[in-house]
Amino acid sequence: MAEKYQDQEFLEYIVKSIVSKPEDVSTERNVDEMGVLLTLKTNPADMGYVIGKKGQTAQALRTLLKIVGAKNNARINLKIEEPQGSDKEKINSEADDLKI
């Protein structure tokens, strides 16, 4: 199992506290010249809890991660992975079909 970093553990702890299926929460951590990218995966049924009303929960998570990053002199970005078969994925594929 890969080593977990402080920012990654922090994100998992917070998200597992707000979702109904914490066992389905996982993160992936990639570092490049732009900084740290944390990719969050959850159960599709929990996406509403993670994003929140008008994206407020997702924005709060990003703000907290920026604070953790500032403490460690790193730029941390959060990507919330869209689950397979989501409505947004269907809308995007329908939009692609309409392009001429």
PDB file of N, CA and C in Angstrom:
ATOM      1  N   MET A   1       0.839  -1.186   0.000  1.00  0.00           N
ATOM      2  CA  MET A   1       0.000   0.000   0.000  1.00  0.00           C
ATOM      3  C   MET A   1       0.884   1.250   0.000  1.00  0.00           C
ATOM      4  N   ALA A   2       0.462   2.243  -0.783  1.00  0.00           N
ATOM      5  CA  ALA A   2       1.243   3.462  -0.920  1.00  0.00           C
ATOM      6  C   ALA A   2       1.204   4.281   0.363  1.00  0.00           C
ATOM      7  N   GLU A   3       2.278   5.035   0.555  1.00  0.00           N
ATOM      8  CA  GLU A   3       2.367   5.901   1.733  1.00  0.00           C
ATOM      9  C   GLU A   3       1.345   7.030   1.620  1.00  0.00           C
ATOM     10  N   LYS A   4       0.675   7.343   2.713  1.00  0.00           N
ATOM     11  CA  LYS A   4      -0.300   8.437   2.743  1.00  0.00           C
ATOM     12  C   LYS A   4       0.383   9.672   3.324  1.00  0.00           C
ATOM     13  N   TYR A   5       0.145  10.798   2.688  1.00  0.00           N
ATOM     14  CA  TYR A   5       0.709  12.055   3.150  1.00  0.00           C
ATOM     15  C   TYR A   5      -0.303  12.791   4.019  1.00  0.00           C
ATOM     16  N   GLN A   6       0.165  13.783   4.762  1.00  0.00           N
ATOM     17  CA  GLN A   6      -0.685  14.505   5.705  1.00  0.00           C
ATOM     18  C   GLN A   6      -1.900  15.124   5.011  1.00  0.00           C
ATOM     19  N   ASP A   7      -1.698  15.736   3.850  1.00  0.00           N
ATOM     20  CA  ASP A   7      -2.812  16.360   3.144  1.00  0.00           C
ATOM     21  C   ASP A   7      -3.837  15.320   2.680  1.00  0.00           C
ATOM     22  N   GLN A   8      -3.346  14.186   2.233  1.00  0.00           N
ATOM     23  CA  GLN A   8      -4.208  13.104   1.762  1.00  0.00           C
ATOM     24  C   GLN A   8      -5.012  12.502   2.919  1.00  0.00           C
ATOM     25  N   GLU A   9      -4.355  12.266   4.035  1.00  0.00           N
ATOM     26  CA  GLU A   9      -5.039  11.728   5.219  1.00  0.00           C
ATOM     27  C   GLU A   9      -6.086  12.716   5.737  1.00  0.00           C
ATOM     28  N   PHE A  10      -5.755  13.995   5.715  1.00  0.00           N
ATOM     29  CA  PHE A  10      -6.676  15.040   6.166  1.00  0.00           C
ATOM     30  C   PHE A  10      -7.946  15.042   5.312  1.00  0.00           C
ATOM     31  N   LEU A  11      -7.783  15.012   3.986  1.00  0.00           N
ATOM     32  CA  LEU A  11      -8.926  15.006   3.078  1.00  0.00           C
ATOM     33  C   LEU A  11      -9.798  13.774   3.309  1.00  0.00           C
ATOM     34  N   GLU A  12      -9.178  12.600   3.414  1.00  0.00           N
ATOM     35  CA  GLU A  12      -9.939  11.370   3.633  1.00  0.00           C
ATOM     36  C   GLU A  12     -10.696  11.415   4.963  1.00  0.00           C
ATOM     37  N   TYR A  13     -10.064  11.931   5.997  1.00  0.00           N
ATOM     38  CA  TYR A  13     -10.704  12.023   7.315  1.00  0.00           C
ATOM     39  C   TYR A  13     -11.964  12.889   7.249  1.00  0.00           C
ATOM     40  N   ILE A  14     -11.846  14.067   6.627  1.00  0.00           N
ATOM     41  CA  ILE A  14     -12.980  14.987   6.529  1.00  0.00           C
ATOM     42  C   ILE A  14     -14.104  14.366   5.701  1.00  0.00           C
ATOM     43  N   VAL A  15     -13.771  13.829   4.532  1.00  0.00           N
ATOM     44  CA  VAL A  15     -14.802  13.294   3.637  1.00  0.00           C
ATOM     45  C   VAL A  15     -15.481  12.070   4.253  1.00  0.00           C
ATOM     46  N   LYS A  16     -14.698  11.189   4.877  1.00  0.00           N
ATOM     47  CA  LYS A  16     -15.290  10.008   5.504  1.00  0.00           C
ATOM     48  C   LYS A  16     -16.249  10.394   6.627  1.00  0.00           C
ATOM     49  N   SER A  17     -16.042  11.565   7.214  1.00  0.00           N
ATOM     50  CA  SER A  17     -16.911  12.037   8.293  1.00  0.00           C
ATOM     51  C   SER A  17     -18.263  12.536   7.790  1.00  0.00           C
ATOM     52  N   ILE A  18     -18.358  12.907   6.502  1.00  0.00           N
ATOM     53  CA  ILE A  18     -19.602  13.488   6.005  1.00  0.00           C
ATOM     54  C   ILE A  18     -20.392  12.579   5.066  1.00  0.00           C
ATOM     55  N   VAL A  19     -19.801  11.495   4.579  1.00  0.00           N
ATOM     56  CA  VAL A  19     -20.514  10.613   3.647  1.00  0.00           C
ATOM     57  C   VAL A  19     -21.193   9.462   4.373  1.00  0.00           C
ATOM     58  N   SER A  20     -22.129   8.804   3.687  1.00  0.00           N
ATOM     59  CA  SER A  20     -22.831   7.673   4.299  1.00  0.00           C
ATOM     60  C   SER A  20     -22.089   6.354   4.104  1.00  0.00           C
ATOM     61  N   LYS A  21     -21.185   6.291   3.124  1.00  0.00           N
ATOM     62  CA  LYS A  21     -20.412   5.071   2.881  1.00  0.00           C
ATOM     63  C   LYS A  21     -18.912   5.392   2.913  1.00  0.00           C
ATOM     64  N   PRO A  22     -18.352   5.576   4.112  1.00  0.00           N
ATOM     65  CA  PRO A  22     -16.941   5.978   4.218  1.00  0.00           C
ATOM     66  C   PRO A  22     -15.970   4.930   3.669  1.00  0.00           C
ATOM     67  N   GLU A  23     -16.392   3.679   3.613  1.00  0.00           N
ATOM     68  CA  GLU A  23     -15.496   2.627   3.098  1.00  0.00           C
ATOM     69  C   GLU A  23     -15.226   2.791   1.602  1.00  0.00           C
ATOM     70  N   ASP A  24     -16.051   3.576   0.896  1.00  0.00           N
ATOM     71  CA  ASP A  24     -15.872   3.782  -0.541  1.00  0.00           C
ATOM     72  C   ASP A  24     -15.032   5.017  -0.873  1.00  0.00           C
ATOM     73  N   VAL A  25     -14.578   5.733   0.144  1.00  0.00           N
ATOM     74  CA  VAL A  25     -13.776   6.938  -0.080  1.00  0.00           C
ATOM     75  C   VAL A  25     -12.319   6.546  -0.322  1.00  0.00           C
ATOM     76  N   SER A  26     -11.751   7.090  -1.405  1.00  0.00           N
ATOM     77  CA  SER A  26     -10.326   6.878  -1.670  1.00  0.00           C
ATOM     78  C   SER A  26      -9.758   8.130  -2.328  1.00  0.00           C
ATOM     79  N   THR A  27      -8.454   8.302  -2.183  1.00  0.00           N
ATOM     80  CA  THR A  27      -7.790   9.451  -2.795  1.00  0.00           C
ATOM     81  C   THR A  27      -6.554   8.982  -3.536  1.00  0.00           C
ATOM     82  N   GLU A  28      -6.177   9.781  -4.505  1.00  0.00           N
ATOM     83  CA  GLU A  28      -4.962   9.542  -5.272  1.00  0.00           C
ATOM     84  C   GLU A  28      -4.172  10.847  -5.231  1.00  0.00           C
ATOM     85  N   ARG A  29      -2.867  10.759  -5.046  1.00  0.00           N
ATOM     86  CA  ARG A  29      -2.039  11.969  -4.905  1.00  0.00           C
ATOM     87  C   ARG A  29      -0.980  11.991  -5.996  1.00  0.00           C
ATOM     88  N   ASN A  30      -0.953  13.072  -6.775  1.00  0.00           N
ATOM     89  CA  ASN A  30       0.046  13.246  -7.825  1.00  0.00           C
ATOM     90  C   ASN A  30       0.734  14.589  -7.617  1.00  0.00           C
ATOM     91  N   VAL A  31       2.044  14.597  -7.817  1.00  0.00           N
ATOM     92  CA  VAL A  31       2.827  15.823  -7.671  1.00  0.00           C
ATOM     93  C   VAL A  31       3.478  16.132  -9.012  1.00  0.00           C
ATOM     94  N   ASP A  32       3.342  17.393  -9.455  1.00  0.00           N
ATOM     95  CA  ASP A  32       4.017  17.837 -10.668  1.00  0.00           C
ATOM     96  C   ASP A  32       4.472  19.281 -10.478  1.00  0.00           C
ATOM     97  N   GLU A  33       4.852  19.957 -11.566  1.00  0.00           N
ATOM     98  CA  GLU A  33       5.361  21.318 -11.446  1.00  0.00           C
ATOM     99  C   GLU A  33       4.292  22.311 -10.984  1.00  0.00           C
ATOM    100  N   MET A  34       3.019  21.950 -11.124  1.00  0.00           N
ATOM    101  CA  MET A  34       1.922  22.823 -10.688  1.00  0.00           C
ATOM    102  C   MET A  34       1.619  22.665  -9.201  1.00  0.00           C
ATOM    103  N   GLY A  35       2.121  21.628  -8.574  1.00  0.00           N
ATOM    104  CA  GLY A  35       1.867  21.398  -7.153  1.00  0.00           C
ATOM    105  C   GLY A  35       1.319  19.996  -6.932  1.00  0.00           C
ATOM    106  N   VAL A  36       0.495  19.866  -5.914  1.00  0.00           N
ATOM    107  CA  VAL A  36      -0.087  18.577  -5.538  1.00  0.00           C
ATOM    108  C   VAL A  36      -1.526  18.526  -6.044  1.00  0.00           C
ATOM    109  N   LEU A  37      -1.879  17.413  -6.681  1.00  0.00           N
ATOM    110  CA  LEU A  37      -3.258  17.202  -7.116  1.00  0.00           C
ATOM    111  C   LEU A  37      -3.811  16.000  -6.371  1.00  0.00           C
ATOM    112  N   LEU A  38      -4.849  16.239  -5.571  1.00  0.00           N
ATOM    113  CA  LEU A  38      -5.536  15.159  -4.871  1.00  0.00           C
ATOM    114  C   LEU A  38      -6.819  14.863  -5.630  1.00  0.00           C
ATOM    115  N   THR A  39      -6.982  13.607  -6.048  1.00  0.00           N
ATOM    116  CA  THR A  39      -8.190  13.174  -6.743  1.00  0.00           C
ATOM    117  C   THR A  39      -9.022  12.363  -5.768  1.00  0.00           C
ATOM    118  N   LEU A  40     -10.251  12.791  -5.556  1.00  0.00           N
ATOM    119  CA  LEU A  40     -11.149  12.166  -4.598  1.00  0.00           C
ATOM    120  C   LEU A  40     -12.162  11.293  -5.319  1.00  0.00           C
ATOM    121  N   LYS A  41     -12.315  10.061  -4.838  1.00  0.00           N
ATOM    122  CA  LYS A  41     -13.319   9.140  -5.371  1.00  0.00           C
ATOM    123  C   LYS A  41     -14.237   8.731  -4.230  1.00  0.00           C
ATOM    124  N   THR A  42     -15.557   8.792  -4.493  1.00  0.00           N
ATOM    125  CA  THR A  42     -16.542   8.384  -3.494  1.00  0.00           C
ATOM    126  C   THR A  42     -17.616   7.546  -4.158  1.00  0.00           C
ATOM    127  N   ASN A  43     -18.489   7.005  -3.352  1.00  0.00           N
ATOM    128  CA  ASN A  43     -19.651   6.297  -3.863  1.00  0.00           C
ATOM    129  C   ASN A  43     -20.534   7.319  -4.583  1.00  0.00           C
ATOM    130  N   PRO A  44     -21.091   6.969  -5.757  1.00  0.00           N
ATOM    131  CA  PRO A  44     -21.951   7.931  -6.474  1.00  0.00           C
ATOM    132  C   PRO A  44     -23.102   8.475  -5.626  1.00  0.00           C
ATOM    133  N   ALA A  45     -23.614   7.682  -4.716  1.00  0.00           N
ATOM    134  CA  ALA A  45     -24.716   8.137  -3.859  1.00  0.00           C
ATOM    135  C   ALA A  45     -24.269   9.235  -2.894  1.00  0.00           C
ATOM    136  N   ASP A  46     -22.962   9.353  -2.643  1.00  0.00           N
ATOM    137  CA  ASP A  46     -22.431  10.341  -1.699  1.00  0.00           C
ATOM    138  C   ASP A  46     -21.958  11.634  -2.366  1.00  0.00           C
ATOM    139  N   MET A  47     -22.073  11.734  -3.674  1.00  0.00           N
ATOM    140  CA  MET A  47     -21.572  12.919  -4.372  1.00  0.00           C
ATOM    141  C   MET A  47     -22.245  14.199  -3.872  1.00  0.00           C
ATOM    142  N   GLY A  48     -23.522  14.129  -3.556  1.00  0.00           N
ATOM    143  CA  GLY A  48     -24.233  15.310  -3.052  1.00  0.00           C
ATOM    144  C   GLY A  48     -23.664  15.814  -1.744  1.00  0.00           C
ATOM    145  N   TYR A  49     -23.257  14.878  -0.873  1.00  0.00           N
ATOM    146  CA  TYR A  49     -22.659  15.271   0.406  1.00  0.00           C
ATOM    147  C   TYR A  49     -21.308  15.947   0.184  1.00  0.00           C
ATOM    148  N   VAL A  50     -20.536  15.441  -0.763  1.00  0.00           N
ATOM    149  CA  VAL A  50     -19.188  15.960  -1.002  1.00  0.00           C
ATOM    150  C   VAL A  50     -19.237  17.317  -1.693  1.00  0.00           C
ATOM    151  N   ILE A  51     -20.143  17.482  -2.638  1.00  0.00           N
ATOM    152  CA  ILE A  51     -20.225  18.741  -3.372  1.00  0.00           C
ATOM    153  C   ILE A  51     -21.004  19.784  -2.577  1.00  0.00           C
ATOM    154  N   GLY A  52     -22.110  19.387  -1.976  1.00  0.00           N
ATOM    155  CA  GLY A  52     -22.894  20.312  -1.163  1.00  0.00           C
ATOM    156  C   GLY A  52     -23.774  21.221  -1.995  1.00  0.00           C
ATOM    157  N   LYS A  53     -24.613  21.960  -1.313  1.00  0.00           N
ATOM    158  CA  LYS A  53     -25.523  22.883  -1.983  1.00  0.00           C
ATOM    159  C   LYS A  53     -24.727  23.998  -2.651  1.00  0.00           C
ATOM    160  N   LYS A  54     -24.926  24.156  -3.942  1.00  0.00           N
ATOM    161  CA  LYS A  54     -24.219  25.155  -4.756  1.00  0.00           C
ATOM    162  C   LYS A  54     -22.702  25.004  -4.671  1.00  0.00           C
ATOM    163  N   GLY A  55     -22.216  23.795  -4.378  1.00  0.00           N
ATOM    164  CA  GLY A  55     -20.779  23.538  -4.340  1.00  0.00           C
ATOM    165  C   GLY A  55     -20.075  24.047  -3.096  1.00  0.00           C
ATOM    166  N   GLN A  56     -20.844  24.402  -2.070  1.00  0.00           N
ATOM    167  CA  GLN A  56     -20.238  24.997  -0.875  1.00  0.00           C
ATOM    168  C   GLN A  56     -19.321  24.040  -0.131  1.00  0.00           C
ATOM    169  N   THR A  57     -19.699  22.761  -0.040  1.00  0.00           N
ATOM    170  CA  THR A  57     -18.859  21.806   0.684  1.00  0.00           C
ATOM    171  C   THR A  57     -17.552  21.575  -0.070  1.00  0.00           C
ATOM    172  N   ALA A  58     -17.644  21.416  -1.388  1.00  0.00           N
ATOM    173  CA  ALA A  58     -16.435  21.232  -2.202  1.00  0.00           C
ATOM    174  C   ALA A  58     -15.515  22.440  -2.077  1.00  0.00           C
ATOM    175  N   GLN A  59     -16.094  23.638  -2.087  1.00  0.00           N
ATOM    176  CA  GLN A  59     -15.292  24.858  -1.949  1.00  0.00           C
ATOM    177  C   GLN A  59     -14.629  24.920  -0.574  1.00  0.00           C
ATOM    178  N   ALA A  60     -15.353  24.513   0.456  1.00  0.00           N
ATOM    179  CA  ALA A  60     -14.784  24.500   1.804  1.00  0.00           C
ATOM    180  C   ALA A  60     -13.631  23.508   1.895  1.00  0.00           C
ATOM    181  N   LEU A  61     -13.778  22.337   1.275  1.00  0.00           N
ATOM    182  CA  LEU A  61     -12.686  21.351   1.257  1.00  0.00           C
ATOM    183  C   LEU A  61     -11.454  21.938   0.576  1.00  0.00           C
ATOM    184  N   ARG A  62     -11.666  22.629  -0.539  1.00  0.00           N
ATOM    185  CA  ARG A  62     -10.536  23.232  -1.264  1.00  0.00           C
ATOM    186  C   ARG A  62      -9.852  24.306  -0.407  1.00  0.00           C
ATOM    187  N   THR A  63     -10.649  25.092   0.309  1.00  0.00           N
ATOM    188  CA  THR A  63     -10.091  26.128   1.178  1.00  0.00           C
ATOM    189  C   THR A  63      -9.246  25.512   2.293  1.00  0.00           C
ATOM    190  N   LEU A  64      -9.766  24.461   2.923  1.00  0.00           N
ATOM    191  CA  LEU A  64      -9.013  23.780   3.986  1.00  0.00           C
ATOM    192  C   LEU A  64      -7.714  23.185   3.443  1.00  0.00           C
ATOM    193  N   LEU A  65      -7.766  22.616   2.239  1.00  0.00           N
ATOM    194  CA  LEU A  65      -6.551  22.038   1.648  1.00  0.00           C
ATOM    195  C   LEU A  65      -5.524  23.116   1.313  1.00  0.00           C
ATOM    196  N   LYS A  66      -5.989  24.297   0.930  1.00  0.00           N
ATOM    197  CA  LYS A  66      -5.049  25.396   0.673  1.00  0.00           C
ATOM    198  C   LYS A  66      -4.329  25.801   1.950  1.00  0.00           C
ATOM    199  N   ILE A  67      -5.045  25.760   3.076  1.00  0.00           N
ATOM    200  CA  ILE A  67      -4.438  26.086   4.365  1.00  0.00           C
ATOM    201  C   ILE A  67      -3.385  25.032   4.729  1.00  0.00           C
ATOM    202  N   VAL A  68      -3.733  23.765   4.553  1.00  0.00           N
ATOM    203  CA  VAL A  68      -2.772  22.681   4.816  1.00  0.00           C
ATOM    204  C   VAL A  68      -1.560  22.840   3.902  1.00  0.00           C
ATOM    205  N   GLY A  69      -1.802  23.173   2.648  1.00  0.00           N
ATOM    206  CA  GLY A  69      -0.708  23.366   1.695  1.00  0.00           C
ATOM    207  C   GLY A  69       0.180  24.533   2.060  1.00  0.00           C
ATOM    208  N   ALA A  70      -0.428  25.632   2.497  1.00  0.00           N
ATOM    209  CA  ALA A  70       0.352  26.807   2.875  1.00  0.00           C
ATOM    210  C   ALA A  70       1.271  26.495   4.050  1.00  0.00           C
ATOM    211  N   LYS A  71       0.774  25.686   4.969  1.00  0.00           N
ATOM    212  CA  LYS A  71       1.576  25.294   6.133  1.00  0.00           C
ATOM    213  C   LYS A  71       2.799  24.481   5.706  1.00  0.00           C
ATOM    214  N   ASN A  72       2.648  23.714   4.614  1.00  0.00           N
ATOM    215  CA  ASN A  72       3.736  22.860   4.131  1.00  0.00           C
ATOM    216  C   ASN A  72       4.412  23.401   2.873  1.00  0.00           C
ATOM    217  N   ASN A  73       4.191  24.679   2.568  1.00  0.00           N
ATOM    218  CA  ASN A  73       4.781  25.323   1.389  1.00  0.00           C
ATOM    219  C   ASN A  73       4.491  24.551   0.103  1.00  0.00           C
ATOM    220  N   ALA A  74       3.239  24.116  -0.072  1.00  0.00           N
ATOM    221  CA  ALA A  74       2.844  23.385  -1.269  1.00  0.00           C
ATOM    222  C   ALA A  74       1.506  23.921  -1.763  1.00  0.00           C
ATOM    223  N   ARG A  75       1.310  23.846  -3.048  1.00  0.00           N
ATOM    224  CA  ARG A  75       0.030  24.228  -3.638  1.00  0.00           C
ATOM    225  C   ARG A  75      -0.780  22.952  -3.830  1.00  0.00           C
ATOM    226  N   ILE A  76      -1.941  22.877  -3.199  1.00  0.00           N
ATOM    227  CA  ILE A  76      -2.763  21.670  -3.249  1.00  0.00           C
ATOM    228  C   ILE A  76      -4.063  21.968  -3.984  1.00  0.00           C
ATOM    229  N   ASN A  77      -4.366  21.142  -4.979  1.00  0.00           N
ATOM    230  CA  ASN A  77      -5.602  21.256  -5.734  1.00  0.00           C
ATOM    231  C   ASN A  77      -6.424  19.991  -5.524  1.00  0.00           C
ATOM    232  N   LEU A  78      -7.741  20.142  -5.563  1.00  0.00           N
ATOM    233  CA  LEU A  78      -8.643  19.015  -5.364  1.00  0.00           C
ATOM    234  C   LEU A  78      -9.463  18.778  -6.616  1.00  0.00           C
ATOM    235  N   LYS A  79      -9.466  17.527  -7.066  1.00  0.00           N
ATOM    236  CA  LYS A  79     -10.311  17.106  -8.175  1.00  0.00           C
ATOM    237  C   LYS A  79     -11.267  16.054  -7.634  1.00  0.00           C
ATOM    238  N   ILE A  80     -12.562  16.295  -7.813  1.00  0.00           N
ATOM    239  CA  ILE A  80     -13.566  15.320  -7.384  1.00  0.00           C
ATOM    240  C   ILE A  80     -13.960  14.524  -8.619  1.00  0.00           C
ATOM    241  N   GLU A  81     -13.654  13.238  -8.603  1.00  0.00           N
ATOM    242  CA  GLU A  81     -13.890  12.405  -9.778  1.00  0.00           C
ATOM    243  C   GLU A  81     -15.375  12.116  -9.956  1.00  0.00           C
ATOM    244  N   GLU A  82     -15.855  12.332 -11.178  1.00  0.00           N
ATOM    245  CA  GLU A  82     -17.245  12.033 -11.510  1.00  0.00           C
ATOM    246  C   GLU A  82     -17.423  10.525 -11.605  1.00  0.00           C
ATOM    247  N   PRO A  83     -18.414   9.968 -10.935  1.00  0.00           N
ATOM    248  CA  PRO A  83     -18.642   8.527 -11.024  1.00  0.00           C
ATOM    249  C   PRO A  83     -19.158   8.130 -12.411  1.00  0.00           C
ATOM    250  N   GLN A  84     -18.907   6.887 -12.806  1.00  0.00           N
ATOM    251  CA  GLN A  84     -19.400   6.379 -14.085  1.00  0.00           C
ATOM    252  C   GLN A  84     -20.915   6.438 -14.112  1.00  0.00           C
ATOM    253  N   GLY A  85     -21.475   6.878 -15.246  1.00  0.00           N
ATOM    254  CA  GLY A  85     -22.921   6.907 -15.396  1.00  0.00           C
ATOM    255  C   GLY A  85     -23.591   8.094 -14.740  1.00  0.00           C
ATOM    256  N   SER A  86     -22.826   9.123 -14.382  1.00  0.00           N
ATOM    257  CA  SER A  86     -23.425  10.290 -13.731  1.00  0.00           C
ATOM    258  C   SER A  86     -24.191  11.127 -14.744  1.00  0.00           C
ATOM    259  N   ASP A  87     -25.088  11.960 -14.261  1.00  0.00           N
ATOM    260  CA  ASP A  87     -25.884  12.821 -15.137  1.00  0.00           C
ATOM    261  C   ASP A  87     -24.991  13.780 -15.914  1.00  0.00           C
ATOM    262  N   LYS A  88     -23.953  14.309 -15.272  1.00  0.00           N
ATOM    263  CA  LYS A  88     -23.057  15.246 -15.938  1.00  0.00           C
ATOM    264  C   LYS A  88     -22.352  14.562 -17.105  1.00  0.00           C
ATOM    265  N   GLU A  89     -21.950  13.302 -16.911  1.00  0.00           N
ATOM    266  CA  GLU A  89     -21.282  12.546 -17.969  1.00  0.00           C
ATOM    267  C   GLU A  89     -22.231  12.361 -19.151  1.00  0.00           C
ATOM    268  N   LYS A  90     -23.506  12.071 -18.879  1.00  0.00           N
ATOM    269  CA  LYS A  90     -24.503  11.888 -19.945  1.00  0.00           C
ATOM    270  C   LYS A  90     -24.717  13.195 -20.701  1.00  0.00           C
ATOM    271  N   ILE A  91     -24.800  14.305 -19.974  1.00  0.00           N
ATOM    272  CA  ILE A  91     -25.004  15.618 -20.604  1.00  0.00           C
ATOM    273  C   ILE A  91     -23.826  15.954 -21.517  1.00  0.00           C
ATOM    274  N   ASN A  92     -22.600  15.710 -21.037  1.00  0.00           N
ATOM    275  CA  ASN A  92     -21.418  15.998 -21.846  1.00  0.00           C
ATOM    276  C   ASN A  92     -21.376  15.152 -23.106  1.00  0.00           C
ATOM    277  N   SER A  93     -21.737  13.862 -23.004  1.00  0.00           N
ATOM    278  CA  SER A  93     -21.711  13.000 -24.191  1.00  0.00           C
ATOM    279  C   SER A  93     -22.801  13.415 -25.167  1.00  0.00           C
ATOM    280  N   GLU A  94     -23.958  13.842 -24.686  1.00  0.00           N
ATOM    281  CA  GLU A  94     -25.015  14.328 -25.564  1.00  0.00           C
ATOM    282  C   GLU A  94     -24.587  15.615 -26.250  1.00  0.00           C
ATOM    283  N   ALA A  95     -23.878  16.483 -25.541  1.00  0.00           N
ATOM    284  CA  ALA A  95     -23.384  17.723 -26.125  1.00  0.00           C
ATOM    285  C   ALA A  95     -22.357  17.412 -27.210  1.00  0.00           C
ATOM    286  N   ASP A  96     -21.499  16.411 -26.999  1.00  0.00           N
ATOM    287  CA  ASP A  96     -20.525  16.015 -28.009  1.00  0.00           C
ATOM    288  C   ASP A  96     -21.215  15.505 -29.270  1.00  0.00           C
ATOM    289  N   ASP A  97     -22.336  14.804 -29.091  1.00  0.00           N
ATOM    290  CA  ASP A  97     -23.083  14.287 -30.237  1.00  0.00           C
ATOM    291  C   ASP A  97     -23.668  15.408 -31.082  1.00  0.00           C
ATOM    292  N   LEU A  98     -23.960  16.557 -30.452  1.00  0.00           N
ATOM    293  CA  LEU A  98     -24.565  17.666 -31.164  1.00  0.00           C
ATOM    294  C   LEU A  98     -23.561  18.518 -31.925  1.00  0.00           C
ATOM    295  N   LYS A  99     -22.281  18.374 -31.630  1.00  0.00           N
ATOM    296  CA  LYS A  99     -21.252  19.188 -32.302  1.00  0.00           C
ATOM    297  C   LYS A  99     -21.167  18.798 -33.776  1.00  0.00           C
ATOM    298  N   ILE A 100     -20.982  19.807 -34.599  1.00  0.00           N
ATOM    299  CA  ILE A 100     -20.896  19.573 -36.048  1.00  0.00           C
ATOM    300  C   ILE A 100     -19.468  19.683 -36.493  1.00  0.00           C
TER     301      ILE A 100
END
